[in-house]
Amino acid sequence: MADDRLETIPILPSLNIGETRGFYAGTLGFDTSIYGAEGYLIARRRPIEIHFWLTDDAHLCHNTALYVRGGGVDALYEEFRAAGVPRLGPYEIKPWGMKEFHIIDPHGNLLRFGLIPPEAAGERDLS
């Protein structure tokens, strides 16, 4: 049987693939693989998958973001907080109604994590 699921995988810039690998594997708990002579990194922490490409333009990193949404966000926040992940933002309900936190990686990429809070679940349908 063919797998006909579609997935979206963000591809973020990295100023140094080795540093990016160290942060995502060592700090955030992702499994990582490097391809293309240190020019491309794949980081997986199922169901999250992020790809990285090497650049020398810091402006790209400082203007790139991804969003992870789902029920496992509470547990991720607690794990990251307990581990002392640097540049971890507060986990709070935002003015737009989502409960979110963020992490800024060592090169400036913004990782946002969120969910529809239980008290607002009937008001929003993002499926």
PDB file of N, CA and C in Angstrom:
ATOM      1  N   MET A   1       0.839  -1.173   0.000  1.00  0.00           N
ATOM      2  CA  MET A   1       0.000   0.000   0.000  1.00  0.00           C
ATOM      3  C   MET A   1       0.889   1.244   0.000  1.00  0.00           C
ATOM      4  N   ALA A   2       0.590   2.161  -0.876  1.00  0.00           N
ATOM      5  CA  ALA A   2       1.356   3.398  -0.975  1.00  0.00           C
ATOM      6  C   ALA A   2       0.980   4.341   0.162  1.00  0.00           C
ATOM      7  N   ASP A   3       1.960   5.085   0.612  1.00  0.00           N
ATOM      8  CA  ASP A   3       1.720   6.096   1.639  1.00  0.00           C
ATOM      9  C   ASP A   3       1.339   7.386   0.924  1.00  0.00           C
ATOM     10  N   ASP A   4       0.093   7.793   1.039  1.00  0.00           N
ATOM     11  CA  ASP A   4      -0.363   8.986   0.336  1.00  0.00           C
ATOM     12  C   ASP A   4      -0.511  10.202   1.252  1.00  0.00           C
ATOM     13  N   ARG A   5       0.082  10.129   2.447  1.00  0.00           N
ATOM     14  CA  ARG A   5       0.048  11.277   3.361  1.00  0.00           C
ATOM     15  C   ARG A   5       0.962  12.378   2.830  1.00  0.00           C
ATOM     16  N   LEU A   6       0.560  13.586   3.032  1.00  0.00           N
ATOM     17  CA  LEU A   6       1.399  14.733   2.717  1.00  0.00           C
ATOM     18  C   LEU A   6       1.936  15.303   4.020  1.00  0.00           C
ATOM     19  N   GLU A   7       3.175  15.750   4.002  1.00  0.00           N
ATOM     20  CA  GLU A   7       3.780  16.356   5.179  1.00  0.00           C
ATOM     21  C   GLU A   7       4.395  17.689   4.789  1.00  0.00           C
ATOM     22  N   THR A   8       4.456  18.585   5.728  1.00  0.00           N
ATOM     23  CA  THR A   8       5.161  19.845   5.549  1.00  0.00           C
ATOM     24  C   THR A   8       6.402  19.796   6.427  1.00  0.00           C
ATOM     25  N   ILE A   9       7.558  20.050   5.836  1.00  0.00           N
ATOM     26  CA  ILE A   9       8.810  20.025   6.591  1.00  0.00           C
ATOM     27  C   ILE A   9       9.513  21.364   6.387  1.00  0.00           C
ATOM     28  N   PRO A  10       9.653  22.159   7.448  1.00  0.00           N
ATOM     29  CA  PRO A  10      10.342  23.439   7.301  1.00  0.00           C
ATOM     30  C   PRO A  10      11.834  23.233   7.054  1.00  0.00           C
ATOM     31  N   ILE A  11      12.402  24.120   6.246  1.00  0.00           N
ATOM     32  CA  ILE A  11      13.838  24.115   5.967  1.00  0.00           C
ATOM     33  C   ILE A  11      14.370  25.468   6.426  1.00  0.00           C
ATOM     34  N   LEU A  12      15.145  25.447   7.512  1.00  0.00           N
ATOM     35  CA  LEU A  12      15.641  26.674   8.130  1.00  0.00           C
ATOM     36  C   LEU A  12      17.112  26.890   7.796  1.00  0.00           C
ATOM     37  N   PRO A  13      17.564  28.140   7.785  1.00  0.00           N
ATOM     38  CA  PRO A  13      18.979  28.414   7.572  1.00  0.00           C
ATOM     39  C   PRO A  13      19.796  28.153   8.838  1.00  0.00           C
ATOM     40  N   SER A  14      21.057  27.813   8.634  1.00  0.00           N
ATOM     41  CA  SER A  14      21.998  27.596   9.739  1.00  0.00           C
ATOM     42  C   SER A  14      23.318  28.274   9.390  1.00  0.00           C
ATOM     43  N   LEU A  15      23.896  28.986  10.340  1.00  0.00           N
ATOM     44  CA  LEU A  15      25.204  29.601  10.129  1.00  0.00           C
ATOM     45  C   LEU A  15      26.335  28.613  10.337  1.00  0.00           C
ATOM     46  N   ASN A  16      26.054  27.524  11.041  1.00  0.00           N
ATOM     47  CA  ASN A  16      27.063  26.502  11.312  1.00  0.00           C
ATOM     48  C   ASN A  16      26.321  25.201  11.599  1.00  0.00           C
ATOM     49  N   ILE A  17      26.412  24.263  10.685  1.00  0.00           N
ATOM     50  CA  ILE A  17      25.660  23.012  10.806  1.00  0.00           C
ATOM     51  C   ILE A  17      26.057  22.252  12.072  1.00  0.00           C
ATOM     52  N   GLY A  18      27.330  22.256  12.428  1.00  0.00           N
ATOM     53  CA  GLY A  18      27.774  21.565  13.639  1.00  0.00           C
ATOM     54  C   GLY A  18      27.159  22.157  14.900  1.00  0.00           C
ATOM     55  N   GLU A  19      27.116  23.490  14.986  1.00  0.00           N
ATOM     56  CA  GLU A  19      26.490  24.142  16.141  1.00  0.00           C
ATOM     57  C   GLU A  19      24.988  23.873  16.178  1.00  0.00           C
ATOM     58  N   THR A  20      24.372  23.912  15.008  1.00  0.00           N
ATOM     59  CA  THR A  20      22.935  23.631  14.938  1.00  0.00           C
ATOM     60  C   THR A  20      22.662  22.213  15.403  1.00  0.00           C
ATOM     61  N   ARG A  21      23.466  21.277  14.929  1.00  0.00           N
ATOM     62  CA  ARG A  21      23.303  19.877  15.338  1.00  0.00           C
ATOM     63  C   ARG A  21      23.471  19.748  16.853  1.00  0.00           C
ATOM     64  N   GLY A  22      24.469  20.395  17.413  1.00  0.00           N
ATOM     65  CA  GLY A  22      24.694  20.330  18.852  1.00  0.00           C
ATOM     66  C   GLY A  22      23.509  20.838  19.652  1.00  0.00           C
ATOM     67  N   PHE A  23      22.903  21.927  19.206  1.00  0.00           N
ATOM     68  CA  PHE A  23      21.759  22.494  19.917  1.00  0.00           C
ATOM     69  C   PHE A  23      20.534  21.600  19.805  1.00  0.00           C
ATOM     70  N   TYR A  24      20.199  21.202  18.591  1.00  0.00           N
ATOM     71  CA  TYR A  24      18.974  20.421  18.402  1.00  0.00           C
ATOM     72  C   TYR A  24      19.107  19.013  18.981  1.00  0.00           C
ATOM     73  N   ALA A  25      20.283  18.407  18.887  1.00  0.00           N
ATOM     74  CA  ALA A  25      20.478  17.063  19.456  1.00  0.00           C
ATOM     75  C   ALA A  25      20.743  17.143  20.958  1.00  0.00           C
ATOM     76  N   GLY A  26      21.708  17.949  21.344  1.00  0.00           N
ATOM     77  CA  GLY A  26      22.140  17.982  22.734  1.00  0.00           C
ATOM     78  C   GLY A  26      21.215  18.718  23.675  1.00  0.00           C
ATOM     79  N   THR A  27      20.557  19.764  23.193  1.00  0.00           N
ATOM     80  CA  THR A  27      19.711  20.590  24.052  1.00  0.00           C
ATOM     81  C   THR A  27      18.230  20.256  23.929  1.00  0.00           C
ATOM     82  N   LEU A  28      17.773  20.022  22.686  1.00  0.00           N
ATOM     83  CA  LEU A  28      16.336  19.799  22.464  1.00  0.00           C
ATOM     84  C   LEU A  28      15.960  18.334  22.282  1.00  0.00           C
ATOM     85  N   GLY A  29      16.944  17.434  22.209  1.00  0.00           N
ATOM     86  CA  GLY A  29      16.640  16.006  22.156  1.00  0.00           C
ATOM     87  C   GLY A  29      16.236  15.452  20.799  1.00  0.00           C
ATOM     88  N   PHE A  30      16.648  16.106  19.726  1.00  0.00           N
ATOM     89  CA  PHE A  30      16.365  15.609  18.382  1.00  0.00           C
ATOM     90  C   PHE A  30      17.414  14.589  17.962  1.00  0.00           C
ATOM     91  N   ASP A  31      17.025  13.643  17.116  1.00  0.00           N
ATOM     92  CA  ASP A  31      17.973  12.791  16.401  1.00  0.00           C
ATOM     93  C   ASP A  31      18.384  13.567  15.163  1.00  0.00           C
ATOM     94  N   THR A  32      19.671  13.528  14.819  1.00  0.00           N
ATOM     95  CA  THR A  32      20.138  14.332  13.692  1.00  0.00           C
ATOM     96  C   THR A  32      20.986  13.521  12.733  1.00  0.00           C
ATOM     97  N   SER A  33      20.968  13.943  11.475  1.00  0.00           N
ATOM     98  CA  SER A  33      21.807  13.359  10.425  1.00  0.00           C
ATOM     99  C   SER A  33      22.304  14.489   9.543  1.00  0.00           C
ATOM    100  N   ILE A  34      23.591  14.438   9.192  1.00  0.00           N
ATOM    101  CA  ILE A  34      24.187  15.449   8.316  1.00  0.00           C
ATOM    102  C   ILE A  34      24.376  14.844   6.933  1.00  0.00           C
ATOM    103  N   TYR A  35      24.090  15.657   5.921  1.00  0.00           N
ATOM    104  CA  TYR A  35      24.231  15.230   4.531  1.00  0.00           C
ATOM    105  C   TYR A  35      25.024  16.279   3.763  1.00  0.00           C
ATOM    106  N   GLY A  36      25.589  15.880   2.657  1.00  0.00           N
ATOM    107  CA  GLY A  36      26.233  16.831   1.757  1.00  0.00           C
ATOM    108  C   GLY A  36      27.431  17.530   2.342  1.00  0.00           C
ATOM    109  N   ALA A  37      28.349  16.773   2.922  1.00  0.00           N
ATOM    110  CA  ALA A  37      29.604  17.335   3.447  1.00  0.00           C
ATOM    111  C   ALA A  37      29.357  18.537   4.356  1.00  0.00           C
ATOM    112  N   GLU A  38      28.541  18.316   5.376  1.00  0.00           N
ATOM    113  CA  GLU A  38      28.257  19.325   6.404  1.00  0.00           C
ATOM    114  C   GLU A  38      27.381  20.479   5.920  1.00  0.00           C
ATOM    115  N   GLY A  39      26.738  20.342   4.765  1.00  0.00           N
ATOM    116  CA  GLY A  39      25.945  21.443   4.253  1.00  0.00           C
ATOM    117  C   GLY A  39      24.455  21.323   4.491  1.00  0.00           C
ATOM    118  N   TYR A  40      23.996  20.181   5.031  1.00  0.00           N
ATOM    119  CA  TYR A  40      22.555  19.969   5.202  1.00  0.00           C
ATOM    120  C   TYR A  40      22.329  19.080   6.409  1.00  0.00           C
ATOM    121  N   LEU A  41      21.399  19.457   7.255  1.00  0.00           N
ATOM    122  CA  LEU A  41      21.109  18.725   8.483  1.00  0.00           C
ATOM    123  C   LEU A  41      19.623  18.396   8.535  1.00  0.00           C
ATOM    124  N   ILE A  42      19.314  17.181   8.962  1.00  0.00           N
ATOM    125  CA  ILE A  42      17.935  16.801   9.235  1.00  0.00           C
ATOM    126  C   ILE A  42      17.841  16.476  10.719  1.00  0.00           C
ATOM    127  N   ALA A  43      16.902  17.128  11.400  1.00  0.00           N
ATOM    128  CA  ALA A  43      16.668  16.907  12.831  1.00  0.00           C
ATOM    129  C   ALA A  43      15.256  16.355  12.996  1.00  0.00           C
ATOM    130  N   ARG A  44      15.154  15.233  13.713  1.00  0.00           N
ATOM    131  CA  ARG A  44      13.845  14.589  13.907  1.00  0.00           C
ATOM    132  C   ARG A  44      13.603  14.324  15.385  1.00  0.00           C
ATOM    133  N   ARG A  45      12.411  14.655  15.764  1.00  0.00           N
ATOM    134  CA  ARG A  45      11.894  14.296  17.078  1.00  0.00           C
ATOM    135  C   ARG A  45      10.412  14.078  16.830  1.00  0.00           C
ATOM    136  N   ARG A  46      10.079  12.869  16.465  1.00  0.00           N
ATOM    137  CA  ARG A  46       8.748  12.555  15.946  1.00  0.00           C
ATOM    138  C   ARG A  46       7.650  13.082  16.835  1.00  0.00           C
ATOM    139  N   PRO A  47       6.681  13.717  16.208  1.00  0.00           N
ATOM    140  CA  PRO A  47       6.437  13.838  14.777  1.00  0.00           C
ATOM    141  C   PRO A  47       7.073  15.074  14.141  1.00  0.00           C
ATOM    142  N   ILE A  48       7.936  15.780  14.849  1.00  0.00           N
ATOM    143  CA  ILE A  48       8.558  17.003  14.326  1.00  0.00           C
ATOM    144  C   ILE A  48       9.781  16.634  13.490  1.00  0.00           C
ATOM    145  N   GLU A  49       9.891  17.231  12.323  1.00  0.00           N
ATOM    146  CA  GLU A  49      11.089  17.092  11.492  1.00  0.00           C
ATOM    147  C   GLU A  49      11.432  18.470  10.948  1.00  0.00           C
ATOM    148  N   ILE A  50      12.702  18.849  11.093  1.00  0.00           N
ATOM    149  CA  ILE A  50      13.182  20.147  10.623  1.00  0.00           C
ATOM    150  C   ILE A  50      14.448  19.908   9.812  1.00  0.00           C
ATOM    151  N   HIS A  51      14.561  20.563   8.675  1.00  0.00           N
ATOM    152  CA  HIS A  51      15.777  20.502   7.868  1.00  0.00           C
ATOM    153  C   HIS A  51      16.498  21.845   7.976  1.00  0.00           C
ATOM    154  N   PHE A  52      17.817  21.813   7.813  1.00  0.00           N
ATOM    155  CA  PHE A  52      18.643  23.017   7.870  1.00  0.00           C
ATOM    156  C   PHE A  52      19.617  23.024   6.705  1.00  0.00           C
ATOM    157  N   TRP A  53      19.803  24.182   6.133  1.00  0.00           N
ATOM    158  CA  TRP A  53      20.792  24.365   5.075  1.00  0.00           C
ATOM    159  C   TRP A  53      21.794  25.420   5.524  1.00  0.00           C
ATOM    160  N   LEU A  54      23.006  25.296   5.052  1.00  0.00           N
ATOM    161  CA  LEU A  54      24.097  26.170   5.471  1.00  0.00           C
ATOM    162  C   LEU A  54      24.067  27.489   4.704  1.00  0.00           C
ATOM    163  N   THR A  55      24.183  28.575   5.453  1.00  0.00           N
ATOM    164  CA  THR A  55      24.252  29.913   4.864  1.00  0.00           C
ATOM    165  C   THR A  55      25.267  30.736   5.643  1.00  0.00           C
ATOM    166  N   ASP A  56      25.731  31.808   5.048  1.00  0.00           N
ATOM    167  CA  ASP A  56      26.590  32.740   5.784  1.00  0.00           C
ATOM    168  C   ASP A  56      25.862  34.065   6.048  1.00  0.00           C
ATOM    169  N   ASP A  57      24.558  34.089   5.798  1.00  0.00           N
ATOM    170  CA  ASP A  57      23.753  35.298   5.949  1.00  0.00           C
ATOM    171  C   ASP A  57      22.915  35.227   7.234  1.00  0.00           C
ATOM    172  N   ALA A  58      23.393  35.870   8.291  1.00  0.00           N
ATOM    173  CA  ALA A  58      22.685  35.853   9.577  1.00  0.00           C
ATOM    174  C   ALA A  58      21.301  36.485   9.472  1.00  0.00           C
ATOM    175  N   HIS A  59      21.130  37.414   8.550  1.00  0.00           N
ATOM    176  CA  HIS A  59      19.827  38.058   8.356  1.00  0.00           C
ATOM    177  C   HIS A  59      18.749  37.019   8.049  1.00  0.00           C
ATOM    178  N   LEU A  60      19.090  35.998   7.296  1.00  0.00           N
ATOM    179  CA  LEU A  60      18.119  34.943   6.979  1.00  0.00           C
ATOM    180  C   LEU A  60      17.658  34.227   8.246  1.00  0.00           C
ATOM    181  N   CYS A  61      18.604  33.888   9.109  1.00  0.00           N
ATOM    182  CA  CYS A  61      18.252  33.190  10.354  1.00  0.00           C
ATOM    183  C   CYS A  61      17.378  34.057  11.249  1.00  0.00           C
ATOM    184  N   HIS A  62      17.691  35.327  11.327  1.00  0.00           N
ATOM    185  CA  HIS A  62      16.970  36.232  12.226  1.00  0.00           C
ATOM    186  C   HIS A  62      15.576  36.577  11.723  1.00  0.00           C
ATOM    187  N   ASN A  63      15.245  36.120  10.521  1.00  0.00           N
ATOM    188  CA  ASN A  63      13.936  36.409   9.934  1.00  0.00           C
ATOM    189  C   ASN A  63      13.214  35.138   9.505  1.00  0.00           C
ATOM    190  N   THR A  64      13.523  34.031  10.163  1.00  0.00           N
ATOM    191  CA  THR A  64      12.926  32.741   9.827  1.00  0.00           C
ATOM    192  C   THR A  64      12.285  32.147  11.073  1.00  0.00           C
ATOM    193  N   ALA A  65      11.136  31.508  10.876  1.00  0.00           N
ATOM    194  CA  ALA A  65      10.415  30.912  12.000  1.00  0.00           C
ATOM    195  C   ALA A  65       9.678  29.664  11.548  1.00  0.00           C
ATOM    196  N   LEU A  66       9.307  28.850  12.534  1.00  0.00           N
ATOM    197  CA  LEU A  66       8.411  27.726  12.283  1.00  0.00           C
ATOM    198  C   LEU A  66       7.431  27.654  13.436  1.00  0.00           C
ATOM    199  N   TYR A  67       6.339  26.925  13.209  1.00  0.00           N
ATOM    200  CA  TYR A  67       5.313  26.780  14.234  1.00  0.00           C
ATOM    201  C   TYR A  67       4.963  25.306  14.360  1.00  0.00           C
ATOM    202  N   VAL A  68       4.991  24.805  15.583  1.00  0.00           N
ATOM    203  CA  VAL A  68       4.588  23.429  15.887  1.00  0.00           C
ATOM    204  C   VAL A  68       3.328  23.525  16.732  1.00  0.00           C
ATOM    205  N   ARG A  69       2.267  22.854  16.297  1.00  0.00           N
ATOM    206  CA  ARG A  69       0.994  22.920  17.011  1.00  0.00           C
ATOM    207  C   ARG A  69       0.526  21.512  17.349  1.00  0.00           C
ATOM    208  N   GLY A  70       0.023  21.337  18.564  1.00  0.00           N
ATOM    209  CA  GLY A  70      -0.537  20.042  18.911  1.00  0.00           C
ATOM    210  C   GLY A  70      -0.581  19.792  20.400  1.00  0.00           C
ATOM    211  N   GLY A  71      -1.166  18.657  20.738  1.00  0.00           N
ATOM    212  CA  GLY A  71      -1.419  18.305  22.124  1.00  0.00           C
ATOM    213  C   GLY A  71      -0.188  18.008  22.956  1.00  0.00           C
ATOM    214  N   GLY A  72       0.950  17.745  22.331  1.00  0.00           N
ATOM    215  CA  GLY A  72       2.158  17.430  23.086  1.00  0.00           C
ATOM    216  C   GLY A  72       2.958  18.640  23.513  1.00  0.00           C
ATOM    217  N   VAL A  73       2.453  19.824  23.237  1.00  0.00           N
ATOM    218  CA  VAL A  73       3.196  21.047  23.519  1.00  0.00           C
ATOM    219  C   VAL A  73       3.395  21.263  25.018  1.00  0.00           C
ATOM    220  N   ASP A  74       2.396  20.948  25.844  1.00  0.00           N
ATOM    221  CA  ASP A  74       2.548  21.092  27.304  1.00  0.00           C
ATOM    222  C   ASP A  74       3.763  20.315  27.807  1.00  0.00           C
ATOM    223  N   ALA A  75       3.865  19.055  27.400  1.00  0.00           N
ATOM    224  CA  ALA A  75       4.968  18.197  27.850  1.00  0.00           C
ATOM    225  C   ALA A  75       6.309  18.702  27.331  1.00  0.00           C
ATOM    226  N   LEU A  76       6.347  19.178  26.089  1.00  0.00           N
ATOM    227  CA  LEU A  76       7.598  19.726  25.548  1.00  0.00           C
ATOM    228  C   LEU A  76       8.053  20.925  26.364  1.00  0.00           C
ATOM    229  N   TYR A  77       7.128  21.819  26.681  1.00  0.00           N
ATOM    230  CA  TYR A  77       7.503  22.994  27.457  1.00  0.00           C
ATOM    231  C   TYR A  77       8.088  22.586  28.805  1.00  0.00           C
ATOM    232  N   GLU A  78       7.432  21.681  29.497  1.00  0.00           N
ATOM    233  CA  GLU A  78       7.926  21.249  30.809  1.00  0.00           C
ATOM    234  C   GLU A  78       9.306  20.606  30.693  1.00  0.00           C
ATOM    235  N   GLU A  79       9.504  19.803  29.666  1.00  0.00           N
ATOM    236  CA  GLU A  79      10.818  19.181  29.453  1.00  0.00           C
ATOM    237  C   GLU A  79      11.886  20.237  29.184  1.00  0.00           C
ATOM    238  N   PHE A  80      11.594  21.183  28.289  1.00  0.00           N
ATOM    239  CA  PHE A  80      12.571  22.214  27.945  1.00  0.00           C
ATOM    240  C   PHE A  80      12.858  23.124  29.136  1.00  0.00           C
ATOM    241  N   ARG A  81      11.832  23.457  29.903  1.00  0.00           N
ATOM    242  CA  ARG A  81      12.019  24.306  31.089  1.00  0.00           C
ATOM    243  C   ARG A  81      12.893  23.600  32.115  1.00  0.00           C
ATOM    244  N   ALA A  82      12.589  22.323  32.378  1.00  0.00           N
ATOM    245  CA  ALA A  82      13.357  21.552  33.361  1.00  0.00           C
ATOM    246  C   ALA A  82      14.812  21.388  32.935  1.00  0.00           C
ATOM    247  N   ALA A  83      15.044  21.325  31.626  1.00  0.00           N
ATOM    248  CA  ALA A  83      16.403  21.155  31.111  1.00  0.00           C
ATOM    249  C   ALA A  83      17.166  22.473  31.043  1.00  0.00           C
ATOM    250  N   GLY A  84      16.495  23.587  31.311  1.00  0.00           N
ATOM    251  CA  GLY A  84      17.164  24.884  31.261  1.00  0.00           C
ATOM    252  C   GLY A  84      17.508  25.339  29.853  1.00  0.00           C
ATOM    253  N   VAL A  85      16.661  25.007  28.891  1.00  0.00           N
ATOM    254  CA  VAL A  85      16.904  25.410  27.504  1.00  0.00           C
ATOM    255  C   VAL A  85      17.043  26.932  27.445  1.00  0.00           C
ATOM    256  N   PRO A  86      18.135  27.427  26.847  1.00  0.00           N
ATOM    257  CA  PRO A  86      18.317  28.876  26.767  1.00  0.00           C
ATOM    258  C   PRO A  86      17.330  29.518  25.795  1.00  0.00           C
ATOM    259  N   ARG A  87      17.028  30.775  26.044  1.00  0.00           N
ATOM    260  CA  ARG A  87      16.158  31.579  25.182  1.00  0.00           C
ATOM    261  C   ARG A  87      14.782  30.945  25.002  1.00  0.00           C
ATOM    262  N   LEU A  88      14.284  30.390  26.115  1.00  0.00           N
ATOM    263  CA  LEU A  88      12.950  29.794  26.157  1.00  0.00           C
ATOM    264  C   LEU A  88      11.977  30.849  26.669  1.00  0.00           C
ATOM    265  N   GLY A  89      10.981  31.160  25.869  1.00  0.00           N
ATOM    266  CA  GLY A  89      10.000  32.164  26.261  1.00  0.00           C
ATOM    267  C   GLY A  89       8.945  31.587  27.183  1.00  0.00           C
ATOM    268  N   PRO A  90       8.151  32.452  27.811  1.00  0.00           N
ATOM    269  CA  PRO A  90       7.095  31.990  28.717  1.00  0.00           C
ATOM    270  C   PRO A  90       5.999  31.248  27.955  1.00  0.00           C
ATOM    271  N   TYR A  91       5.364  30.319  28.652  1.00  0.00           N
ATOM    272  CA  TYR A  91       4.254  29.551  28.083  1.00  0.00           C
ATOM    273  C   TYR A  91       2.980  30.195  28.576  1.00  0.00           C
ATOM    274  N   GLU A  92       2.276  30.870  27.677  1.00  0.00           N
ATOM    275  CA  GLU A  92       1.135  31.673  28.089  1.00  0.00           C
ATOM    276  C   GLU A  92       0.119  31.797  26.962  1.00  0.00           C
ATOM    277  N   ILE A  93      -1.090  32.172  27.340  1.00  0.00           N
ATOM    278  CA  ILE A  93      -2.130  32.411  26.342  1.00  0.00           C
ATOM    279  C   ILE A  93      -1.878  33.779  25.717  1.00  0.00           C
ATOM    280  N   LYS A  94      -1.790  33.787  24.406  1.00  0.00           N
ATOM    281  CA  LYS A  94      -1.502  35.004  23.651  1.00  0.00           C
ATOM    282  C   LYS A  94      -2.803  35.741  23.320  1.00  0.00           C
ATOM    283  N   PRO A  95      -2.713  37.009  22.932  1.00  0.00           N
ATOM    284  CA  PRO A  95      -3.920  37.776  22.600  1.00  0.00           C
ATOM    285  C   PRO A  95      -4.771  37.133  21.499  1.00  0.00           C
ATOM    286  N   TRP A  96      -4.169  36.318  20.659  1.00  0.00           N
ATOM    287  CA  TRP A  96      -4.907  35.662  19.572  1.00  0.00           C
ATOM    288  C   TRP A  96      -5.522  34.336  20.006  1.00  0.00           C
ATOM    289  N   GLY A  97      -5.413  34.002  21.303  1.00  0.00           N
ATOM    290  CA  GLY A  97      -6.122  32.858  21.858  1.00  0.00           C
ATOM    291  C   GLY A  97      -5.370  31.547  21.918  1.00  0.00           C
ATOM    292  N   MET A  98      -4.163  31.495  21.380  1.00  0.00           N
ATOM    293  CA  MET A  98      -3.373  30.265  21.441  1.00  0.00           C
ATOM    294  C   MET A  98      -2.488  30.292  22.687  1.00  0.00           C
ATOM    295  N   LYS A  99      -2.248  29.124  23.274  1.00  0.00           N
ATOM    296  CA  LYS A  99      -1.292  29.006  24.374  1.00  0.00           C
ATOM    297  C   LYS A  99       0.033  28.627  23.738  1.00  0.00           C
ATOM    298  N   GLU A 100       1.050  29.466  23.910  1.00  0.00           N
ATOM    299  CA  GLU A 100       2.301  29.314  23.167  1.00  0.00           C
ATOM    300  C   GLU A 100       3.530  29.587  24.022  1.00  0.00           C
ATOM    301  N   PHE A 101       4.647  29.034  23.537  1.00  0.00           N
ATOM    302  CA  PHE A 101       5.975  29.428  23.996  1.00  0.00           C
ATOM    303  C   PHE A 101       6.878  29.438  22.778  1.00  0.00           C
ATOM    304  N   HIS A 102       8.057  29.996  22.942  1.00  0.00           N
ATOM    305  CA  HIS A 102       9.000  30.011  21.828  1.00  0.00           C
ATOM    306  C   HIS A 102      10.412  29.723  22.327  1.00  0.00           C
ATOM    307  N   ILE A 103      11.233  29.323  21.385  1.00  0.00           N
ATOM    308  CA  ILE A 103      12.669  29.154  21.593  1.00  0.00           C
ATOM    309  C   ILE A 103      13.348  29.867  20.435  1.00  0.00           C
ATOM    310  N   ILE A 104      14.425  30.564  20.719  1.00  0.00           N
ATOM    311  CA  ILE A 104      15.248  31.133  19.658  1.00  0.00           C
ATOM    312  C   ILE A 104      16.532  30.315  19.634  1.00  0.00           C
ATOM    313  N   ASP A 105      16.818  29.700  18.491  1.00  0.00           N
ATOM    314  CA  ASP A 105      17.996  28.832  18.419  1.00  0.00           C
ATOM    315  C   ASP A 105      19.276  29.671  18.359  1.00  0.00           C
ATOM    316  N   PRO A 106      20.455  29.049  18.446  1.00  0.00           N
ATOM    317  CA  PRO A 106      21.705  29.812  18.526  1.00  0.00           C
ATOM    318  C   PRO A 106      21.963  30.755  17.350  1.00  0.00           C
ATOM    319  N   HIS A 107      21.320  30.525  16.224  1.00  0.00           N
ATOM    320  CA  HIS A 107      21.553  31.377  15.059  1.00  0.00           C
ATOM    321  C   HIS A 107      20.425  32.372  14.822  1.00  0.00           C
ATOM    322  N   GLY A 108      19.385  32.332  15.662  1.00  0.00           N
ATOM    323  CA  GLY A 108      18.317  33.314  15.587  1.00  0.00           C
ATOM    324  C   GLY A 108      17.008  32.825  15.008  1.00  0.00           C
ATOM    325  N   ASN A 109      16.932  31.563  14.573  1.00  0.00           N
ATOM    326  CA  ASN A 109      15.662  31.024  14.090  1.00  0.00           C
ATOM    327  C   ASN A 109      14.660  30.972  15.241  1.00  0.00           C
ATOM    328  N   LEU A 110      13.430  31.371  14.969  1.00  0.00           N
ATOM    329  CA  LEU A 110      12.368  31.377  15.972  1.00  0.00           C
ATOM    330  C   LEU A 110      11.539  30.105  15.843  1.00  0.00           C
ATOM    331  N   LEU A 111      11.466  29.337  16.923  1.00  0.00           N
ATOM    332  CA  LEU A 111      10.641  28.131  16.973  1.00  0.00           C
ATOM    333  C   LEU A 111       9.473  28.429  17.895  1.00  0.00           C
ATOM    334  N   ARG A 112       8.261  28.429  17.362  1.00  0.00           N
ATOM    335  CA  ARG A 112       7.072  28.677  18.183  1.00  0.00           C
ATOM    336  C   ARG A 112       6.292  27.384  18.320  1.00  0.00           C
ATOM    337  N   PHE A 113       5.805  27.147  19.527  1.00  0.00           N
ATOM    338  CA  PHE A 113       5.043  25.946  19.854  1.00  0.00           C
ATOM    339  C   PHE A 113       3.728  26.391  20.469  1.00  0.00           C
ATOM    340  N   GLY A 114       2.623  25.783  20.055  1.00  0.00           N
ATOM    341  CA  GLY A 114       1.355  26.218  20.606  1.00  0.00           C
ATOM    342  C   GLY A 114       0.255  25.189  20.503  1.00  0.00           C
ATOM    343  N   LEU A 115      -0.814  25.488  21.231  1.00  0.00           N
ATOM    344  CA  LEU A 115      -2.013  24.658  21.182  1.00  0.00           C
ATOM    345  C   LEU A 115      -3.217  25.528  21.486  1.00  0.00           C
ATOM    346  N   ILE A 116      -4.380  25.003  21.131  1.00  0.00           N
ATOM    347  CA  ILE A 116      -5.616  25.678  21.505  1.00  0.00           C
ATOM    348  C   ILE A 116      -5.880  25.305  22.958  1.00  0.00           C
ATOM    349  N   PRO A 117      -5.944  26.284  23.869  1.00  0.00           N
ATOM    350  CA  PRO A 117      -6.173  25.935  25.272  1.00  0.00           C
ATOM    351  C   PRO A 117      -7.542  25.282  25.447  1.00  0.00           C
ATOM    352  N   PRO A 118      -7.646  24.331  26.378  1.00  0.00           N
ATOM    353  CA  PRO A 118      -8.911  23.611  26.568  1.00  0.00           C
ATOM    354  C   PRO A 118     -10.113  24.534  26.743  1.00  0.00           C
ATOM    355  N   GLU A 119      -9.914  25.639  27.442  1.00  0.00           N
ATOM    356  CA  GLU A 119     -11.037  26.547  27.683  1.00  0.00           C
ATOM    357  C   GLU A 119     -11.509  27.252  26.410  1.00  0.00           C
ATOM    358  N   ALA A 120     -10.698  27.229  25.346  1.00  0.00           N
ATOM    359  CA  ALA A 120     -11.081  27.868  24.086  1.00  0.00           C
ATOM    360  C   ALA A 120     -11.346  26.856  22.978  1.00  0.00           C
ATOM    361  N   ALA A 121     -11.263  25.581  23.290  1.00  0.00           N
ATOM    362  CA  ALA A 121     -11.360  24.544  22.256  1.00  0.00           C
ATOM    363  C   ALA A 121     -12.660  24.614  21.472  1.00  0.00           C
ATOM    364  N   GLY A 122     -13.752  24.955  22.104  1.00  0.00           N
ATOM    365  CA  GLY A 122     -15.021  25.031  21.394  1.00  0.00           C
ATOM    366  C   GLY A 122     -15.137  26.247  20.492  1.00  0.00           C
ATOM    367  N   GLU A 123     -14.292  27.253  20.734  1.00  0.00           N
ATOM    368  CA  GLU A 123     -14.362  28.495  19.978  1.00  0.00           C
ATOM    369  C   GLU A 123     -13.555  28.450  18.692  1.00  0.00           C
ATOM    370  N   ARG A 124     -12.575  27.539  18.617  1.00  0.00           N
ATOM    371  CA  ARG A 124     -11.659  27.532  17.477  1.00  0.00           C
ATOM    372  C   ARG A 124     -11.592  26.143  16.880  1.00  0.00           C
ATOM    373  N   ASP A 125     -11.560  26.093  15.593  1.00  0.00           N
ATOM    374  CA  ASP A 125     -11.359  24.826  14.902  1.00  0.00           C
ATOM    375  C   ASP A 125     -10.262  25.038  13.878  1.00  0.00           C
ATOM    376  N   LEU A 126      -9.066  24.548  14.179  1.00  0.00           N
ATOM    377  CA  LEU A 126      -7.929  24.708  13.277  1.00  0.00           C
ATOM    378  C   LEU A 126      -7.592  23.411  12.558  1.00  0.00           C
ATOM    379  N   SER A 127      -8.506  22.454  12.590  1.00  0.00           N
ATOM    380  CA  SER A 127      -8.211  21.172  11.942  1.00  0.00           C
ATOM    381  C   SER A 127      -8.403  21.245  10.445  1.00  0.00           C
TER     382      SER A 127
END
